[in-house]
Amino acid sequence: MTDSTFHRATRGDRPALEELLERNLPRLHAYVRAKAGPRLLARESHADLVQTVCRAALEGLDGFEFRDEVQFRHWLCQVAWRKLAGRGRRLRSARQDAAREAPVDVHASGFGAWLSELTPSRDASAREQVELVEAALDSLTDEQREAVVLRRIVELDYADIAAAMGKREVAVRNLVYRGLARLALTLRGCDGDRP
């Protein structure tokens, strides 16, 4: 995408905004899967949640100016977080049965960068890997998960993460380091359980 496309998108040009959203869909899918949690994902597919976020983004961009695509992606993830929080509150207040689980769509999961050598013959294995990554992310503390997601999925720099989380940069670096180390140990332990 050229800078002119980016600037047109931030000024409300619908085709440019759609292109910008499309470029950021894989990371948005990953963010939604990482932040939605198992109860909400058991009730609603992450693809439906992402579509809701995109619709809200298209409707709510009037007058926003972003200095770069990372800042746009951060704003997009904030829109996603508000949508997820609202859906989570409705789910809890309605006390709905979340036994129905949406199947994992590996190709739309957004975790493609974390999965290597994905081919059609490895589809079942890839589904397991996506589920393992989700479970590993769920094993982190809320702060670790937030810091890791903002660093690795949204691609914010440490200073921006610190501002977003209301923490010092050194604390954020520590959260990311510990979170990634815990993820690696959790995922390595899952690999060790396989025959």
Protein backbone atom coordinates (compact mmCIF):
# COMPACT_ATOMS: atom_id res chain seq x y z
CA MET A 1 0.00 0.00 0.00
CA THR A 2 1.33 3.42 -0.86
CA ASP A 3 1.41 6.32 1.58
CA SER A 4 -1.27 8.06 -0.49
CA THR A 5 -3.55 5.04 -0.04
CA PHE A 6 -2.93 5.10 3.70
CA HIS A 7 -3.67 8.84 3.91
CA ARG A 8 -6.80 8.49 1.77
CA ALA A 9 -7.96 5.68 4.06
CA THR A 10 -7.55 7.81 7.18
CA ARG A 11 -9.53 10.58 5.49
CA GLY A 12 -12.52 8.33 4.90
CA ASP A 13 -11.90 7.07 1.35
CA ARG A 14 -13.93 3.84 1.46
CA PRO A 15 -11.91 1.75 -1.09
CA ALA A 16 -8.60 2.78 0.52
CA LEU A 17 -9.98 1.98 3.99
CA GLU A 18 -11.17 -1.43 2.81
CA GLU A 19 -7.68 -2.13 1.44
CA LEU A 20 -6.13 -1.04 4.74
CA LEU A 21 -8.52 -3.28 6.68
CA GLU A 22 -7.81 -6.20 4.36
CA ARG A 23 -4.06 -5.82 4.87
CA ASN A 24 -4.57 -5.99 8.62
CA LEU A 25 -7.12 -8.84 8.71
CA PRO A 26 -4.64 -11.61 9.63
CA ARG A 27 -3.46 -9.68 12.69
CA LEU A 28 -7.02 -8.71 13.59
CA HIS A 29 -8.05 -12.39 13.42
CA ALA A 30 -5.14 -13.30 15.69
CA TYR A 31 -5.98 -10.49 18.11
CA VAL A 32 -9.64 -11.53 18.33
CA ARG A 33 -8.74 -15.19 18.89
CA ALA A 34 -6.21 -14.21 21.57
CA LYS A 35 -8.51 -11.81 23.41
CA ALA A 36 -11.99 -13.32 23.03
CA GLY A 37 -11.45 -16.23 25.39
CA PRO A 38 -12.81 -19.76 25.16
CA ARG A 39 -16.35 -19.02 26.44
CA LEU A 40 -17.04 -16.34 23.84
CA LEU A 41 -15.39 -18.31 21.05
CA ALA A 42 -17.52 -21.30 21.99
CA ARG A 43 -20.59 -19.14 21.46
CA GLU A 44 -19.56 -17.09 18.41
CA SER A 45 -17.10 -17.72 15.62
CA HIS A 46 -14.09 -15.46 15.57
CA ALA A 47 -14.82 -14.73 11.89
CA ASP A 48 -18.20 -13.24 12.88
CA LEU A 49 -16.53 -11.21 15.61
CA VAL A 50 -13.91 -9.90 13.16
CA GLN A 51 -16.64 -8.97 10.69
CA THR A 52 -18.42 -7.00 13.42
CA VAL A 53 -15.18 -5.17 14.23
CA CYS A 54 -14.58 -4.33 10.57
CA ARG A 55 -18.11 -2.98 10.23
CA ALA A 56 -17.62 -0.81 13.33
CA ALA A 57 -14.26 0.40 12.00
CA LEU A 58 -15.76 1.38 8.67
CA GLU A 59 -18.50 3.31 10.47
CA GLY A 60 -16.28 4.92 13.11
CA LEU A 61 -13.26 6.26 11.29
CA ASP A 62 -14.58 9.75 10.51
CA GLY A 63 -11.98 12.40 11.28
CA PHE A 64 -9.28 10.08 12.62
CA GLU A 65 -5.69 10.69 11.48
CA PHE A 66 -3.04 8.03 12.10
CA ARG A 67 0.69 8.58 11.81
CA ASP A 68 1.30 5.05 10.50
CA GLU A 69 -0.25 1.67 9.90
CA VAL A 70 0.83 0.31 13.30
CA GLN A 71 -1.12 3.08 15.01
CA PHE A 72 -4.11 2.27 12.78
CA ARG A 73 -3.80 -1.42 13.73
CA HIS A 74 -3.69 -0.46 17.43
CA TRP A 75 -6.87 1.61 17.02
CA LEU A 76 -8.48 -1.32 15.17
CA CYS A 77 -7.60 -3.65 18.05
CA GLN A 78 -9.08 -1.16 20.51
CA VAL A 79 -12.32 -1.26 18.50
CA ALA A 80 -12.10 -5.06 18.67
CA TRP A 81 -11.54 -5.01 22.41
CA ARG A 82 -14.62 -2.84 22.98
CA LYS A 83 -16.71 -5.20 20.85
CA LEU A 84 -15.35 -8.28 22.64
CA ALA A 85 -15.94 -6.74 26.06
CA GLY A 86 -19.53 -5.90 25.13
CA ARG A 87 -20.20 -9.39 23.78
CA GLY A 88 -18.59 -10.93 26.87
CA ARG A 89 -20.79 -8.87 29.18
CA ARG A 90 -23.92 -9.90 27.27
CA LEU A 91 -22.84 -13.53 27.36
CA ARG A 92 -22.29 -13.43 31.12
CA SER A 93 -25.51 -11.51 31.86
CA ALA A 94 -27.63 -13.85 29.76
CA ARG A 95 -25.97 -16.92 31.30
CA GLN A 96 -26.25 -18.64 27.95
CA ASP A 97 -25.11 -22.19 27.37
CA ALA A 98 -21.65 -22.06 25.76
CA ALA A 99 -21.37 -25.78 25.13
CA ARG A 100 -21.55 -25.37 21.34
CA GLU A 101 -18.02 -24.81 20.04
CA ALA A 102 -17.27 -23.18 16.70
CA PRO A 103 -14.83 -25.24 14.65
CA VAL A 104 -11.32 -23.86 14.30
CA ASP A 105 -10.70 -22.41 10.84
CA VAL A 106 -6.91 -22.61 10.62
CA HIS A 107 -6.67 -20.51 7.50
CA ALA A 108 -8.64 -17.63 9.02
CA SER A 109 -7.22 -17.93 12.55
CA GLY A 110 -4.64 -15.18 12.16
CA PHE A 111 -1.96 -17.37 13.73
CA GLY A 112 -0.47 -18.24 10.33
CA ALA A 113 2.80 -16.55 11.22
CA TRP A 114 3.12 -18.86 14.23
CA LEU A 115 2.41 -21.99 12.22
CA SER A 116 5.07 -23.18 9.82
CA GLU A 117 4.73 -25.27 6.67
CA LEU A 118 0.93 -25.25 6.62
CA THR A 119 -0.32 -27.46 3.78
CA PRO A 120 -3.70 -29.06 3.14
CA SER A 121 -2.36 -32.43 4.28
CA ARG A 122 -1.47 -30.92 7.65
CA ASP A 123 -4.83 -29.27 8.22
CA ALA A 124 -5.81 -31.40 11.24
CA SER A 125 -2.42 -30.89 12.81
CA ALA A 126 -2.63 -27.17 12.14
CA ARG A 127 -6.02 -27.01 13.86
CA GLU A 128 -4.42 -28.63 16.91
CA GLN A 129 -1.57 -26.13 16.77
CA VAL A 130 -3.99 -23.17 16.68
CA GLU A 131 -5.84 -24.62 19.66
CA LEU A 132 -2.53 -25.13 21.50
CA VAL A 133 -1.47 -21.53 20.85
CA GLU A 134 -4.86 -20.30 22.09
CA ALA A 135 -4.62 -22.46 25.21
CA ALA A 136 -1.05 -21.30 25.81
CA LEU A 137 -2.16 -17.66 25.51
CA ASP A 138 -4.98 -18.38 27.97
CA SER A 139 -2.40 -19.71 30.45
CA LEU A 140 -0.67 -16.32 30.64
CA THR A 141 -1.62 -13.69 33.17
CA ASP A 142 -3.89 -10.99 31.77
CA GLU A 143 -1.02 -8.49 31.73
CA GLN A 144 1.38 -10.90 30.04
CA ARG A 145 -1.20 -11.80 27.39
CA GLU A 146 -1.96 -8.11 26.75
CA ALA A 147 1.73 -7.22 26.43
CA VAL A 148 2.52 -10.19 24.16
CA VAL A 149 -0.49 -9.56 21.93
CA LEU A 150 0.29 -5.84 21.59
CA ARG A 151 3.95 -6.59 20.81
CA ARG A 152 3.68 -9.64 18.55
CA ILE A 153 0.28 -9.29 16.91
CA VAL A 154 -0.38 -5.54 16.86
CA GLU A 155 3.38 -4.81 16.52
CA LEU A 156 3.44 -1.81 18.84
CA ASP A 157 6.80 -0.69 20.12
CA TYR A 158 7.50 -0.98 23.83
CA ALA A 159 6.93 2.73 24.52
CA ASP A 160 3.45 2.59 22.95
CA ILE A 161 2.59 -0.58 24.86
CA ALA A 162 3.72 1.06 28.08
CA ALA A 163 1.46 4.04 27.35
CA ALA A 164 -1.48 1.80 26.46
CA MET A 165 -1.07 -0.31 29.61
CA GLY A 166 -0.16 2.55 31.95
CA LYS A 167 3.17 0.96 32.85
CA ARG A 168 6.84 1.78 32.57
CA GLU A 169 8.63 0.52 29.49
CA VAL A 170 10.93 -1.73 31.52
CA ALA A 171 7.90 -3.39 33.11
CA VAL A 172 6.37 -3.99 29.67
CA ARG A 173 9.61 -5.52 28.38
CA ASN A 174 9.59 -7.83 31.38
CA LEU A 175 5.94 -8.82 30.77
CA VAL A 176 6.66 -9.60 27.11
CA TYR A 177 9.82 -11.56 27.95
CA ARG A 178 8.13 -13.60 30.67
CA GLY A 179 5.01 -14.12 28.58
CA LEU A 180 6.97 -15.35 25.56
CA ALA A 181 9.09 -17.60 27.77
CA ARG A 182 5.97 -19.10 29.33
CA LEU A 183 4.41 -19.57 25.89
CA ALA A 184 7.53 -21.35 24.67
CA LEU A 185 7.60 -23.65 27.70
CA THR A 186 3.89 -24.40 27.42
CA LEU A 187 4.09 -25.12 23.70
CA ARG A 188 7.28 -27.17 24.10
CA GLY A 189 5.57 -29.21 26.81
CA CYS A 190 2.62 -29.86 24.48
CA ASP A 191 4.98 -31.04 21.74
CA GLY A 192 6.69 -33.35 24.21
CA ASP A 193 3.36 -35.05 24.98
CA ARG A 194 2.91 -36.17 21.39
CA PRO A 195 3.93 -39.69 20.41
